[in-house]
Amino acid sequence: MNSRERVMTALNLGQPDRVPIVEFTIDRDVAGRICPGCDYAELIDQLGLDMAVVTPDKRGMKRVGEDLYEDDWKTRYKDTGETALIETVFPVSSIEDLRCLAPPDARNDHRLRELRSLVGRFKGQKAIAFTISDAFSIPRKLLGMETLLLSYLDSPELVMEVSAIAVTHSLRLLELAIEAGAEIIFSADDYAWNQGPIMSPAHFERYIYPGLKRLVTRAHELGAKYIKHTDGDISTILDLIVDTGVDGLHPIDPSAGMDICEVKARYGRGLCVIGNVDCHHTLCEGSEKDVEDEVKGLIDRLAPGGGYMIASSNSIHSGVRPGNYLAMIRAARMYGAYPLQSQEKS
């Protein structure tokens, strides 16, 4: 099998020749220490990752100050040196502001440029995923977290309107991405902290679930798979997330008390689980032997029967030791080939 076949087999809940190795975000400094001077395509080739992922960056933004950028929704961000930018100024504070806002054109070239490049290089060889937002991140970036959450309680009309605008934009972007060659849609809206969802389950069901389900359904209609990422303890909204029909779930956050083995046992007949080598402790502070042991344990418990892809428990962020990430990839190759060592012994 090649990388694409491996990933698609796992997302179809089958057993490939080897557990796919994927990563949705790799910090630029960590990447530079592993592969100096490499671009993203060269990096994933060198690492032997099975999936290429197009993630948002600041190339489509205009610089409006020192380390300050504005996107085409008019939200402003601070560049702190990390891969992710931090929202600082929000363009909407009322329904009147929202009705004056002109949503950006999903066809703007910067959104699809990297996708077209990766498709040209990897089509048919590696799985190609495209990142969008679903029904939470764009409203949060337009209103700010505090205003959005208060609006769930006292301004439902505002929330409904901003959510509709966000989902309509993401639906169009999803369609364009699939037309351009993406086979997997990946939405990265984070719904939870370690203590539980940011919003109540009832508010999730009312304001977020419908939009997420529309996006998943449309991806499937166009022949693509859909992977959902969210950090935190999502146990109280997990049934709703799975009910949308997502094909994969990442990363099933162990730092928030989520148990990936329990999730696979409960939902594994309809859901590919993706994760979750600990990027809070093991990949940052552990030894390479610690990393190898954790990878082996995850594969032993999750890989039998397929429907599993290995990745970090969130991302390869700036605190991850490059040597530990390389040890993770080596161990995944060593222990992830089918038949598994645990299967051979049984």
C-alpha atoms as a PDB file:
ATOM      1  CA  MET A   1       0.000   0.000   0.000  1.00  0.00           C
ATOM      2  CA  ASN A   2       1.086   3.579  -0.513  1.00  0.00           C
ATOM      3  CA  SER A   3       0.364   6.349   1.986  1.00  0.00           C
ATOM      4  CA  ARG A   4      -2.953   7.384   0.456  1.00  0.00           C
ATOM      5  CA  GLU A   5      -4.278   3.835   0.386  1.00  0.00           C
ATOM      6  CA  ARG A   6      -3.133   3.307   3.973  1.00  0.00           C
ATOM      7  CA  VAL A   7      -4.989   6.378   5.282  1.00  0.00           C
ATOM      8  CA  MET A   8      -8.166   5.756   3.309  1.00  0.00           C
ATOM      9  CA  THR A   9      -8.258   2.122   4.463  1.00  0.00           C
ATOM     10  CA  ALA A  10      -8.032   3.237   8.093  1.00  0.00           C
ATOM     11  CA  LEU A  11     -10.751   5.877   7.597  1.00  0.00           C
ATOM     12  CA  ASN A  12     -12.919   3.149   6.056  1.00  0.00           C
ATOM     13  CA  LEU A  13     -12.320   1.216   9.305  1.00  0.00           C
ATOM     14  CA  GLY A  14     -10.202  -1.407   7.586  1.00  0.00           C
ATOM     15  CA  GLN A  15      -6.786  -2.793   8.396  1.00  0.00           C
ATOM     16  CA  PRO A  16      -4.018  -1.425   6.158  1.00  0.00           C
ATOM     17  CA  ASP A  17      -0.495  -2.799   5.805  1.00  0.00           C
ATOM     18  CA  ARG A  18       0.700  -0.463   8.574  1.00  0.00           C
ATOM     19  CA  VAL A  19      -0.838   1.958  11.040  1.00  0.00           C
ATOM     20  CA  PRO A  20      -0.884   5.323   9.208  1.00  0.00           C
ATOM     21  CA  ILE A  21       1.342   8.018  10.694  1.00  0.00           C
ATOM     22  CA  VAL A  22      -0.222  11.474  10.464  1.00  0.00           C
ATOM     23  CA  GLU A  23       0.242  14.898  12.035  1.00  0.00           C
ATOM     24  CA  PHE A  24      -2.024  17.876  11.551  1.00  0.00           C
ATOM     25  CA  THR A  25       0.298  20.669  12.709  1.00  0.00           C
ATOM     26  CA  ILE A  26       4.082  20.740  13.062  1.00  0.00           C
ATOM     27  CA  ASP A  27       5.678  23.823  14.612  1.00  0.00           C
ATOM     28  CA  ARG A  28       7.919  25.643  12.149  1.00  0.00           C
ATOM     29  CA  ASP A  29      10.926  25.716  14.514  1.00  0.00           C
ATOM     30  CA  VAL A  30      10.672  22.003  15.270  1.00  0.00           C
ATOM     31  CA  ALA A  31      10.301  21.349  11.539  1.00  0.00           C
ATOM     32  CA  GLY A  32      13.366  23.487  10.829  1.00  0.00           C
ATOM     33  CA  ARG A  33      15.479  21.536  13.316  1.00  0.00           C
ATOM     34  CA  ILE A  34      14.416  18.230  11.784  1.00  0.00           C
ATOM     35  CA  CYS A  35      14.743  19.283   8.151  1.00  0.00           C
ATOM     36  CA  PRO A  36      16.653  22.585   7.822  1.00  0.00           C
ATOM     37  CA  GLY A  37      15.554  24.609   4.830  1.00  0.00           C
ATOM     38  CA  CYS A  38      12.737  22.227   3.902  1.00  0.00           C
ATOM     39  CA  ASP A  39       9.302  23.343   2.869  1.00  0.00           C
ATOM     40  CA  TYR A  40       6.264  21.459   4.151  1.00  0.00           C
ATOM     41  CA  ALA A  41       6.149  18.975   1.276  1.00  0.00           C
ATOM     42  CA  GLU A  42       9.834  18.162   1.689  1.00  0.00           C
ATOM     43  CA  LEU A  43       9.340  17.752   5.446  1.00  0.00           C
ATOM     44  CA  ILE A  44       6.550  15.205   5.198  1.00  0.00           C
ATOM     45  CA  ASP A  45       8.469  13.347   2.514  1.00  0.00           C
ATOM     46  CA  GLN A  46      11.536  13.159   4.764  1.00  0.00           C
ATOM     47  CA  LEU A  47       9.460  12.088   7.763  1.00  0.00           C
ATOM     48  CA  GLY A  48       7.468   9.600   5.693  1.00  0.00           C
ATOM     49  CA  LEU A  49       4.117  10.912   6.924  1.00  0.00           C
ATOM     50  CA  ASP A  50       1.085   9.408   5.233  1.00  0.00           C
ATOM     51  CA  MET A  51      -1.030  12.566   5.016  1.00  0.00           C
ATOM     52  CA  ALA A  52      -0.416  16.097   3.766  1.00  0.00           C
ATOM     53  CA  VAL A  53      -2.534  18.706   5.545  1.00  0.00           C
ATOM     54  CA  VAL A  54      -3.272  22.221   4.320  1.00  0.00           C
ATOM     55  CA  THR A  55      -3.577  24.431   7.397  1.00  0.00           C
ATOM     56  CA  PRO A  56      -4.473  28.144   7.630  1.00  0.00           C
ATOM     57  CA  ASP A  57      -1.596  30.593   7.987  1.00  0.00           C
ATOM     58  CA  LYS A  58      -1.007  34.323   7.735  1.00  0.00           C
ATOM     59  CA  ARG A  59      -0.243  34.382   4.017  1.00  0.00           C
ATOM     60  CA  GLY A  60      -3.778  35.557   3.301  1.00  0.00           C
ATOM     61  CA  MET A  61      -3.564  38.345   5.899  1.00  0.00           C
ATOM     62  CA  LYS A  62      -2.344  41.889   5.660  1.00  0.00           C
ATOM     63  CA  ARG A  63       0.149  43.257   8.113  1.00  0.00           C
ATOM     64  CA  VAL A  64      -1.305  46.188  10.064  1.00  0.00           C
ATOM     65  CA  GLY A  65       1.399  46.695  12.704  1.00  0.00           C
ATOM     66  CA  GLU A  66       4.435  45.155  14.303  1.00  0.00           C
ATOM     67  CA  ASP A  67       3.593  41.434  14.626  1.00  0.00           C
ATOM     68  CA  LEU A  68      -0.070  42.336  14.037  1.00  0.00           C
ATOM     69  CA  TYR A  69      -2.129  40.931  11.146  1.00  0.00           C
ATOM     70  CA  GLU A  70      -5.703  41.288   9.886  1.00  0.00           C
ATOM     71  CA  ASP A  71      -7.566  38.549   8.044  1.00  0.00           C
ATOM     72  CA  ASP A  72     -10.263  39.047   5.427  1.00  0.00           C
ATOM     73  CA  TRP A  73     -12.999  38.810   8.083  1.00  0.00           C
ATOM     74  CA  LYS A  74     -11.364  41.930   9.683  1.00  0.00           C
ATOM     75  CA  THR A  75     -10.277  40.014  12.791  1.00  0.00           C
ATOM     76  CA  ARG A  76      -6.818  41.032  14.025  1.00  0.00           C
ATOM     77  CA  TYR A  77      -4.147  38.675  15.318  1.00  0.00           C
ATOM     78  CA  LYS A  78      -0.871  38.857  17.218  1.00  0.00           C
ATOM     79  CA  ASP A  79       2.066  36.807  15.978  1.00  0.00           C
ATOM     80  CA  THR A  80       3.798  35.468  19.094  1.00  0.00           C
ATOM     81  CA  GLY A  81       6.281  33.308  17.211  1.00  0.00           C
ATOM     82  CA  GLU A  82       4.195  30.170  17.586  1.00  0.00           C
ATOM     83  CA  THR A  83       2.493  28.478  14.632  1.00  0.00           C
ATOM     84  CA  ALA A  84      -0.958  29.629  15.770  1.00  0.00           C
ATOM     85  CA  LEU A  85      -1.734  33.349  15.867  1.00  0.00           C
ATOM     86  CA  ILE A  86      -3.668  34.900  18.760  1.00  0.00           C
ATOM     87  CA  GLU A  87      -6.880  36.863  18.109  1.00  0.00           C
ATOM     88  CA  THR A  88      -6.769  40.339  19.631  1.00  0.00           C
ATOM     89  CA  VAL A  89      -9.419  42.554  17.943  1.00  0.00           C
ATOM     90  CA  PHE A  90     -12.903  41.420  16.906  1.00  0.00           C
ATOM     91  CA  PRO A  91     -15.039  43.155  14.253  1.00  0.00           C
ATOM     92  CA  VAL A  92     -18.529  42.266  15.514  1.00  0.00           C
ATOM     93  CA  SER A  93     -20.156  43.305  18.787  1.00  0.00           C
ATOM     94  CA  SER A  94     -23.804  43.479  17.721  1.00  0.00           C
ATOM     95  CA  ILE A  95     -26.218  42.172  15.125  1.00  0.00           C
ATOM     96  CA  GLU A  96     -25.941  45.544  13.346  1.00  0.00           C
ATOM     97  CA  ASP A  97     -22.169  45.064  13.010  1.00  0.00           C
ATOM     98  CA  LEU A  98     -22.742  41.592  11.645  1.00  0.00           C
ATOM     99  CA  ARG A  99     -25.211  42.759   9.008  1.00  0.00           C
ATOM    100  CA  CYS A 100     -22.672  45.323   7.799  1.00  0.00           C
ATOM    101  CA  LEU A 101     -19.922  42.694   7.538  1.00  0.00           C
ATOM    102  CA  ALA A 102     -19.024  41.478   4.059  1.00  0.00           C
ATOM    103  CA  PRO A 103     -17.923  37.829   4.287  1.00  0.00           C
ATOM    104  CA  PRO A 104     -14.735  37.098   2.345  1.00  0.00           C
ATOM    105  CA  ASP A 105     -14.867  35.300  -0.976  1.00  0.00           C
ATOM    106  CA  ALA A 106     -14.054  31.628  -0.476  1.00  0.00           C
ATOM    107  CA  ARG A 107     -12.468  31.679  -3.933  1.00  0.00           C
ATOM    108  CA  ASN A 108      -9.662  34.008  -2.809  1.00  0.00           C
ATOM    109  CA  ASP A 109      -6.552  32.387  -4.226  1.00  0.00           C
ATOM    110  CA  HIS A 110      -4.526  32.285  -1.018  1.00  0.00           C
ATOM    111  CA  ARG A 111      -6.957  29.755   0.468  1.00  0.00           C
ATOM    112  CA  LEU A 112      -6.332  27.076  -2.136  1.00  0.00           C
ATOM    113  CA  ARG A 113      -2.813  27.836  -3.401  1.00  0.00           C
ATOM    114  CA  GLU A 114      -1.011  25.404  -1.091  1.00  0.00           C
ATOM    115  CA  LEU A 115      -3.664  22.741  -1.681  1.00  0.00           C
ATOM    116  CA  ARG A 116      -3.130  22.910  -5.436  1.00  0.00           C
ATOM    117  CA  SER A 117       0.619  22.609  -4.896  1.00  0.00           C
ATOM    118  CA  LEU A 118       0.291  19.557  -2.658  1.00  0.00           C
ATOM    119  CA  VAL A 119      -2.197  17.919  -5.022  1.00  0.00           C
ATOM    120  CA  GLY A 120       0.249  18.453  -7.868  1.00  0.00           C
ATOM    121  CA  ARG A 121       3.007  16.786  -5.888  1.00  0.00           C
ATOM    122  CA  PHE A 122       1.227  14.026  -3.964  1.00  0.00           C
ATOM    123  CA  LYS A 123      -2.019  13.160  -5.777  1.00  0.00           C
ATOM    124  CA  GLY A 124      -2.582   9.414  -5.602  1.00  0.00           C
ATOM    125  CA  GLN A 125       0.444   8.934  -3.342  1.00  0.00           C
ATOM    126  CA  LYS A 126      -0.397  10.626  -0.038  1.00  0.00           C
ATOM    127  CA  ALA A 127      -3.768  11.416   1.480  1.00  0.00           C
ATOM    128  CA  ILE A 128      -4.457  15.141   1.153  1.00  0.00           C
ATOM    129  CA  ALA A 129      -6.504  16.930   3.801  1.00  0.00           C
ATOM    130  CA  PHE A 130      -7.791  20.497   3.790  1.00  0.00           C
ATOM    131  CA  THR A 131      -8.542  22.405   6.995  1.00  0.00           C
ATOM    132  CA  ILE A 132     -11.721  24.432   7.441  1.00  0.00           C
ATOM    133  CA  SER A 133     -13.668  25.844  10.377  1.00  0.00           C
ATOM    134  CA  ASP A 134     -17.092  24.517  11.286  1.00  0.00           C
ATOM    135  CA  ALA A 135     -19.672  26.377  13.383  1.00  0.00           C
ATOM    136  CA  PHE A 136     -17.622  27.631  16.328  1.00  0.00           C
ATOM    137  CA  SER A 137     -14.261  29.120  15.362  1.00  0.00           C
ATOM    138  CA  ILE A 138     -15.431  31.760  12.875  1.00  0.00           C
ATOM    139  CA  PRO A 139     -18.166  33.066  15.235  1.00  0.00           C
ATOM    140  CA  ARG A 140     -15.577  33.124  18.025  1.00  0.00           C
ATOM    141  CA  LYS A 141     -13.115  35.049  15.847  1.00  0.00           C
ATOM    142  CA  LEU A 142     -15.783  37.535  14.804  1.00  0.00           C
ATOM    143  CA  LEU A 143     -17.270  38.207  18.231  1.00  0.00           C
ATOM    144  CA  GLY A 144     -14.551  37.088  20.641  1.00  0.00           C
ATOM    145  CA  MET A 145     -14.993  34.189  23.036  1.00  0.00           C
ATOM    146  CA  GLU A 146     -16.658  36.141  25.861  1.00  0.00           C
ATOM    147  CA  THR A 147     -19.200  37.876  23.632  1.00  0.00           C
ATOM    148  CA  LEU A 148     -20.038  34.660  21.791  1.00  0.00           C
ATOM    149  CA  LEU A 149     -20.635  32.648  24.955  1.00  0.00           C
ATOM    150  CA  LEU A 150     -22.760  35.410  26.496  1.00  0.00           C
ATOM    151  CA  SER A 151     -24.702  35.593  23.238  1.00  0.00           C
ATOM    152  CA  TYR A 152     -25.539  31.889  23.545  1.00  0.00           C
ATOM    153  CA  LEU A 153     -27.526  32.959  26.600  1.00  0.00           C
ATOM    154  CA  ASP A 154     -28.996  36.342  25.724  1.00  0.00           C
ATOM    155  CA  SER A 155     -28.663  36.930  21.950  1.00  0.00           C
ATOM    156  CA  PRO A 156     -29.668  33.733  20.154  1.00  0.00           C
ATOM    157  CA  GLU A 157     -30.603  35.663  16.993  1.00  0.00           C
ATOM    158  CA  LEU A 158     -27.043  37.015  16.741  1.00  0.00           C
ATOM    159  CA  VAL A 159     -25.586  33.534  17.254  1.00  0.00           C
ATOM    160  CA  MET A 160     -27.862  31.993  14.645  1.00  0.00           C
ATOM    161  CA  GLU A 161     -26.951  34.652  12.078  1.00  0.00           C
ATOM    162  CA  VAL A 162     -23.204  34.515  12.668  1.00  0.00           C
ATOM    163  CA  SER A 163     -23.263  30.712  12.639  1.00  0.00           C
ATOM    164  CA  ALA A 164     -25.162  30.686   9.341  1.00  0.00           C
ATOM    165  CA  ILE A 165     -22.627  33.042   7.775  1.00  0.00           C
ATOM    166  CA  ALA A 166     -19.738  30.902   9.038  1.00  0.00           C
ATOM    167  CA  VAL A 167     -21.170  27.606   7.830  1.00  0.00           C
ATOM    168  CA  THR A 168     -22.157  29.009   4.430  1.00  0.00           C
ATOM    169  CA  HIS A 169     -18.588  30.226   3.938  1.00  0.00           C
ATOM    170  CA  SER A 170     -17.094  26.918   5.093  1.00  0.00           C
ATOM    171  CA  LEU A 171     -19.440  24.914   2.869  1.00  0.00           C
ATOM    172  CA  ARG A 172     -18.286  26.849  -0.187  1.00  0.00           C
ATOM    173  CA  LEU A 173     -14.639  26.479   0.813  1.00  0.00           C
ATOM    174  CA  LEU A 174     -15.150  22.739   1.373  1.00  0.00           C
ATOM    175  CA  GLU A 175     -16.643  22.384  -2.104  1.00  0.00           C
ATOM    176  CA  LEU A 176     -13.806  24.297  -3.737  1.00  0.00           C
ATOM    177  CA  ALA A 177     -11.193  22.277  -1.852  1.00  0.00           C
ATOM    178  CA  ILE A 178     -12.671  18.950  -2.885  1.00  0.00           C
ATOM    179  CA  GLU A 179     -12.949  20.177  -6.467  1.00  0.00           C
ATOM    180  CA  ALA A 180      -9.231  21.096  -6.284  1.00  0.00           C
ATOM    181  CA  GLY A 181      -8.252  17.610  -5.098  1.00  0.00           C
ATOM    182  CA  ALA A 182      -8.692  17.362  -1.322  1.00  0.00           C
ATOM    183  CA  GLU A 183      -9.933  13.911  -0.316  1.00  0.00           C
ATOM    184  CA  ILE A 184     -10.274  14.651   3.384  1.00  0.00           C
ATOM    185  CA  ILE A 185     -11.815  17.659   5.117  1.00  0.00           C
ATOM    186  CA  PHE A 186     -10.463  18.406   8.566  1.00  0.00           C
ATOM    187  CA  SER A 187     -12.172  20.883  10.893  1.00  0.00           C
ATOM    188  CA  ALA A 188     -10.160  22.102  13.831  1.00  0.00           C
ATOM    189  CA  ASP A 189     -12.615  24.076  15.968  1.00  0.00           C
ATOM    190  CA  ASP A 190     -11.817  23.356  19.620  1.00  0.00           C
ATOM    191  CA  TYR A 191     -14.966  22.828  21.691  1.00  0.00           C
ATOM    192  CA  ALA A 192     -13.602  22.070  25.145  1.00  0.00           C
ATOM    193  CA  TRP A 193     -11.192  22.736  27.974  1.00  0.00           C
ATOM    194  CA  ASN A 194      -9.788  20.051  30.249  1.00  0.00           C
ATOM    195  CA  GLN A 195     -12.806  20.518  32.537  1.00  0.00           C
ATOM    196  CA  GLY A 196     -15.398  19.946  29.824  1.00  0.00           C
ATOM    197  CA  PRO A 197     -16.998  21.712  26.846  1.00  0.00           C
ATOM    198  CA  ILE A 198     -16.674  25.486  26.608  1.00  0.00           C
ATOM    199  CA  MET A 199     -20.423  25.662  26.037  1.00  0.00           C
ATOM    200  CA  SER A 200     -23.221  23.570  27.544  1.00  0.00           C
ATOM    201  CA  PRO A 201     -24.228  20.395  25.690  1.00  0.00           C
ATOM    202  CA  ALA A 202     -27.586  22.039  24.999  1.00  0.00           C
ATOM    203  CA  HIS A 203     -25.926  25.050  23.394  1.00  0.00           C
ATOM    204  CA  PHE A 204     -23.626  22.744  21.422  1.00  0.00           C
ATOM    205  CA  GLU A 205     -26.646  20.882  20.097  1.00  0.00           C
ATOM    206  CA  ARG A 206     -28.491  24.092  19.224  1.00  0.00           C
ATOM    207  CA  TYR A 207     -25.727  26.244  17.748  1.00  0.00           C
ATOM    208  CA  ILE A 208     -22.871  23.985  16.574  1.00  0.00           C
ATOM    209  CA  TYR A 209     -24.191  20.489  15.825  1.00  0.00           C
ATOM    210  CA  PRO A 210     -26.413  21.519  12.868  1.00  0.00           C
ATOM    211  CA  GLY A 211     -23.587  23.306  11.056  1.00  0.00           C
ATOM    212  CA  LEU A 212     -21.094  20.518  11.669  1.00  0.00           C
ATOM    213  CA  LYS A 213     -23.582  17.953  10.393  1.00  0.00           C
ATOM    214  CA  ARG A 214     -24.212  20.006   7.224  1.00  0.00           C
ATOM    215  CA  LEU A 215     -20.489  20.137   6.509  1.00  0.00           C
ATOM    216  CA  VAL A 216     -19.962  16.419   7.107  1.00  0.00           C
ATOM    217  CA  THR A 217     -22.956  15.528   4.953  1.00  0.00           C
ATOM    218  CA  ARG A 218     -21.763  17.744   2.093  1.00  0.00           C
ATOM    219  CA  ALA A 219     -18.244  16.292   2.213  1.00  0.00           C
ATOM    220  CA  HIS A 220     -19.703  12.806   1.975  1.00  0.00           C
ATOM    221  CA  GLU A 221     -21.965  13.814  -0.914  1.00  0.00           C
ATOM    222  CA  LEU A 222     -18.842  14.916  -2.783  1.00  0.00           C
ATOM    223  CA  GLY A 223     -16.968  11.712  -2.010  1.00  0.00           C
ATOM    224  CA  ALA A 224     -14.616  13.062   0.675  1.00  0.00           C
ATOM    225  CA  LYS A 225     -13.931  11.923   4.231  1.00  0.00           C
ATOM    226  CA  TYR A 226     -14.298  14.185   7.268  1.00  0.00           C
ATOM    227  CA  ILE A 227     -12.060  14.283  10.342  1.00  0.00           C
ATOM    228  CA  LYS A 228     -12.988  16.300  13.430  1.00  0.00           C
ATOM    229  CA  HIS A 229     -10.349  17.726  15.773  1.00  0.00           C
ATOM    230  CA  THR A 230     -11.091  19.135  19.168  1.00  0.00           C
ATOM    231  CA  ASP A 231      -9.037  19.342  22.345  1.00  0.00           C
ATOM    232  CA  GLY A 232     -10.371  18.946  25.845  1.00  0.00           C
ATOM    233  CA  ASP A 233     -12.896  16.797  27.662  1.00  0.00           C
ATOM    234  CA  ILE A 234     -15.660  16.250  25.103  1.00  0.00           C
ATOM    235  CA  SER A 235     -17.284  13.306  26.878  1.00  0.00           C
ATOM    236  CA  THR A 236     -20.647  15.062  27.347  1.00  0.00           C
ATOM    237  CA  ILE A 237     -20.916  16.059  23.655  1.00  0.00           C
ATOM    238  CA  LEU A 238     -19.198  13.046  22.094  1.00  0.00           C
ATOM    239  CA  ASP A 239     -22.452  11.316  21.134  1.00  0.00           C
ATOM    240  CA  LEU A 240     -23.502  14.446  19.229  1.00  0.00           C
ATOM    241  CA  ILE A 241     -20.147  14.761  17.450  1.00  0.00           C
ATOM    242  CA  VAL A 242     -20.228  11.124  16.367  1.00  0.00           C
ATOM    243  CA  ASP A 243     -23.880  11.474  15.297  1.00  0.00           C
ATOM    244  CA  THR A 244     -22.852  14.051  12.674  1.00  0.00           C
ATOM    245  CA  GLY A 245     -21.227  11.189  10.753  1.00  0.00           C
ATOM    246  CA  VAL A 246     -17.581  12.234  11.062  1.00  0.00           C
ATOM    247  CA  ASP A 247     -15.223   9.548   9.773  1.00  0.00           C
ATOM    248  CA  GLY A 248     -12.367  10.254  12.180  1.00  0.00           C
ATOM    249  CA  LEU A 249     -11.841  11.890  15.564  1.00  0.00           C
ATOM    250  CA  HIS A 250      -8.596  13.520  16.723  1.00  0.00           C
ATOM    251  CA  PRO A 251      -6.876  13.595  19.197  1.00  0.00           C
ATOM    252  CA  ILE A 252      -9.073  12.290  22.070  1.00  0.00           C
ATOM    253  CA  ASP A 253      -7.071  14.369  24.523  1.00  0.00           C
ATOM    254  CA  PRO A 254      -5.455  12.340  27.347  1.00  0.00           C
ATOM    255  CA  SER A 255      -4.506  15.497  29.286  1.00  0.00           C
ATOM    256  CA  ALA A 256      -8.249  16.162  29.637  1.00  0.00           C
ATOM    257  CA  GLY A 257      -8.978  12.652  30.891  1.00  0.00           C
ATOM    258  CA  MET A 258     -10.222  11.288  27.563  1.00  0.00           C
ATOM    259  CA  ASP A 259      -9.521   7.570  27.084  1.00  0.00           C
ATOM    260  CA  ILE A 260      -8.931   6.727  23.437  1.00  0.00           C
ATOM    261  CA  CYS A 261      -9.348   3.012  24.104  1.00  0.00           C
ATOM    262  CA  GLU A 262     -12.797   3.581  25.594  1.00  0.00           C
ATOM    263  CA  VAL A 263     -13.743   5.746  22.611  1.00  0.00           C
ATOM    264  CA  LYS A 264     -12.669   3.042  20.175  1.00  0.00           C
ATOM    265  CA  ALA A 265     -14.493   0.361  22.155  1.00  0.00           C
ATOM    266  CA  ARG A 266     -17.691   2.414  22.153  1.00  0.00           C
ATOM    267  CA  TYR A 267     -17.640   3.949  18.659  1.00  0.00           C
ATOM    268  CA  GLY A 268     -15.009   2.010  16.709  1.00  0.00           C
ATOM    269  CA  ARG A 269     -17.497   0.292  14.416  1.00  0.00           C
ATOM    270  CA  GLY A 270     -18.250   3.657  12.832  1.00  0.00           C
ATOM    271  CA  LEU A 271     -15.326   5.899  13.731  1.00  0.00           C
ATOM    272  CA  CYS A 272     -11.581   5.919  13.033  1.00  0.00           C
ATOM    273  CA  VAL A 273      -9.699   7.069  16.137  1.00  0.00           C
ATOM    274  CA  ILE A 274      -6.605   9.224  15.629  1.00  0.00           C
ATOM    275  CA  GLY A 275      -3.980   9.946  18.289  1.00  0.00           C
ATOM    276  CA  ASN A 276      -2.707  10.291  20.876  1.00  0.00           C
ATOM    277  CA  VAL A 277       0.987  10.208  21.850  1.00  0.00           C
ATOM    278  CA  ASP A 278       1.223  12.627  24.771  1.00  0.00           C
ATOM    279  CA  CYS A 279       2.586  15.965  23.554  1.00  0.00           C
ATOM    280  CA  HIS A 280       2.230  17.588  26.975  1.00  0.00           C
ATOM    281  CA  HIS A 281       4.691  15.317  28.785  1.00  0.00           C
ATOM    282  CA  THR A 282       6.126  12.358  26.879  1.00  0.00           C
ATOM    283  CA  LEU A 283       7.104  14.159  23.668  1.00  0.00           C
ATOM    284  CA  CYS A 284       8.368  17.197  25.606  1.00  0.00           C
ATOM    285  CA  GLU A 285       9.997  15.779  28.721  1.00  0.00           C
ATOM    286  CA  GLY A 286      10.277  12.032  28.260  1.00  0.00           C
ATOM    287  CA  SER A 287      13.177  10.008  26.927  1.00  0.00           C
ATOM    288  CA  GLU A 288      13.138   8.462  23.478  1.00  0.00           C
ATOM    289  CA  LYS A 289      12.570   5.120  25.235  1.00  0.00           C
ATOM    290  CA  ASP A 290       9.515   6.600  26.974  1.00  0.00           C
ATOM    291  CA  VAL A 291       8.203   7.663  23.579  1.00  0.00           C
ATOM    292  CA  GLU A 292       8.814   4.229  22.084  1.00  0.00           C
ATOM    293  CA  ASP A 293       7.027   2.517  24.980  1.00  0.00           C
ATOM    294  CA  GLU A 294       4.008   4.818  24.690  1.00  0.00           C
ATOM    295  CA  VAL A 295       3.748   4.302  20.941  1.00  0.00           C
ATOM    296  CA  LYS A 296       3.978   0.543  21.329  1.00  0.00           C
ATOM    297  CA  GLY A 297       1.266   0.568  23.992  1.00  0.00           C
ATOM    298  CA  LEU A 298      -1.098   2.615  21.850  1.00  0.00           C
ATOM    299  CA  ILE A 299      -0.576   0.360  18.844  1.00  0.00           C
ATOM    300  CA  ASP A 300      -1.037  -2.802  20.895  1.00  0.00           C
ATOM    301  CA  ARG A 301      -4.369  -1.535  22.242  1.00  0.00           C
ATOM    302  CA  LEU A 302      -5.802   0.399  19.301  1.00  0.00           C
ATOM    303  CA  ALA A 303      -4.468  -1.014  16.054  1.00  0.00           C
ATOM    304  CA  PRO A 304      -5.931  -4.562  16.045  1.00  0.00           C
ATOM    305  CA  GLY A 305      -8.603  -4.735  13.363  1.00  0.00           C
ATOM    306  CA  GLY A 306      -7.672  -1.347  11.849  1.00  0.00           C
ATOM    307  CA  GLY A 307      -9.590   1.916  12.091  1.00  0.00           C
ATOM    308  CA  TYR A 308      -6.672   3.624  13.827  1.00  0.00           C
ATOM    309  CA  MET A 309      -4.080   6.251  12.840  1.00  0.00           C
ATOM    310  CA  ILE A 310      -1.268   7.355  15.128  1.00  0.00           C
ATOM    311  CA  ALA A 311      -0.554  11.042  15.800  1.00  0.00           C
ATOM    312  CA  SER A 312       0.332  13.276  18.720  1.00  0.00           C
ATOM    313  CA  SER A 313      -2.236  14.145  21.369  1.00  0.00           C
ATOM    314  CA  ASN A 314      -2.661  17.622  19.849  1.00  0.00           C
ATOM    315  CA  SER A 315       0.175  18.867  17.648  1.00  0.00           C
ATOM    316  CA  ILE A 316       3.925  18.944  17.336  1.00  0.00           C
ATOM    317  CA  HIS A 317       4.188  22.295  19.094  1.00  0.00           C
ATOM    318  CA  SER A 318       7.275  24.321  19.962  1.00  0.00           C
ATOM    319  CA  GLY A 319       7.881  22.449  23.221  1.00  0.00           C
ATOM    320  CA  VAL A 320       8.224  19.040  21.553  1.00  0.00           C
ATOM    321  CA  ARG A 321      11.768  17.701  21.368  1.00  0.00           C
ATOM    322  CA  PRO A 322      12.609  17.017  17.730  1.00  0.00           C
ATOM    323  CA  GLY A 323      14.411  13.814  18.705  1.00  0.00           C
ATOM    324  CA  ASN A 324      11.322  12.582  20.518  1.00  0.00           C
ATOM    325  CA  TYR A 325       9.132  13.236  17.502  1.00  0.00           C
ATOM    326  CA  LEU A 326      11.539  11.296  15.313  1.00  0.00           C
ATOM    327  CA  ALA A 327      11.498   8.508  17.931  1.00  0.00           C
ATOM    328  CA  MET A 328       7.690   8.475  17.731  1.00  0.00           C
ATOM    329  CA  ILE A 329       7.793   8.011  13.965  1.00  0.00           C
ATOM    330  CA  ARG A 330      10.459   5.292  14.186  1.00  0.00           C
ATOM    331  CA  ALA A 331       8.478   3.402  16.808  1.00  0.00           C
ATOM    332  CA  ALA A 332       5.259   3.678  14.796  1.00  0.00           C
ATOM    333  CA  ARG A 333       7.030   2.078  11.855  1.00  0.00           C
ATOM    334  CA  MET A 334       8.663  -0.551  14.038  1.00  0.00           C
ATOM    335  CA  TYR A 335       5.523  -1.692  15.852  1.00  0.00           C
ATOM    336  CA  GLY A 336       2.736  -0.622  13.490  1.00  0.00           C
ATOM    337  CA  ALA A 337       3.159  -3.096  10.628  1.00  0.00           C
ATOM    338  CA  TYR A 338       0.405  -5.718  10.272  1.00  0.00           C
ATOM    339  CA  PRO A 339       0.308  -8.423  11.466  1.00  0.00           C
ATOM    340  CA  LEU A 340       1.092  -6.670  14.733  1.00  0.00           C
ATOM    341  CA  GLN A 341       3.624  -8.139  17.109  1.00  0.00           C
ATOM    342  CA  SER A 342       0.865  -8.563  19.675  1.00  0.00           C
ATOM    343  CA  GLN A 343      -1.195 -10.507  17.116  1.00  0.00           C
ATOM    344  CA  GLU A 344       1.737 -12.751  16.253  1.00  0.00           C
ATOM    345  CA  LYS A 345       2.208 -13.651  19.915  1.00  0.00           C
ATOM    346  CA  SER A 346      -1.459 -14.433  20.504  1.00  0.00           C
END
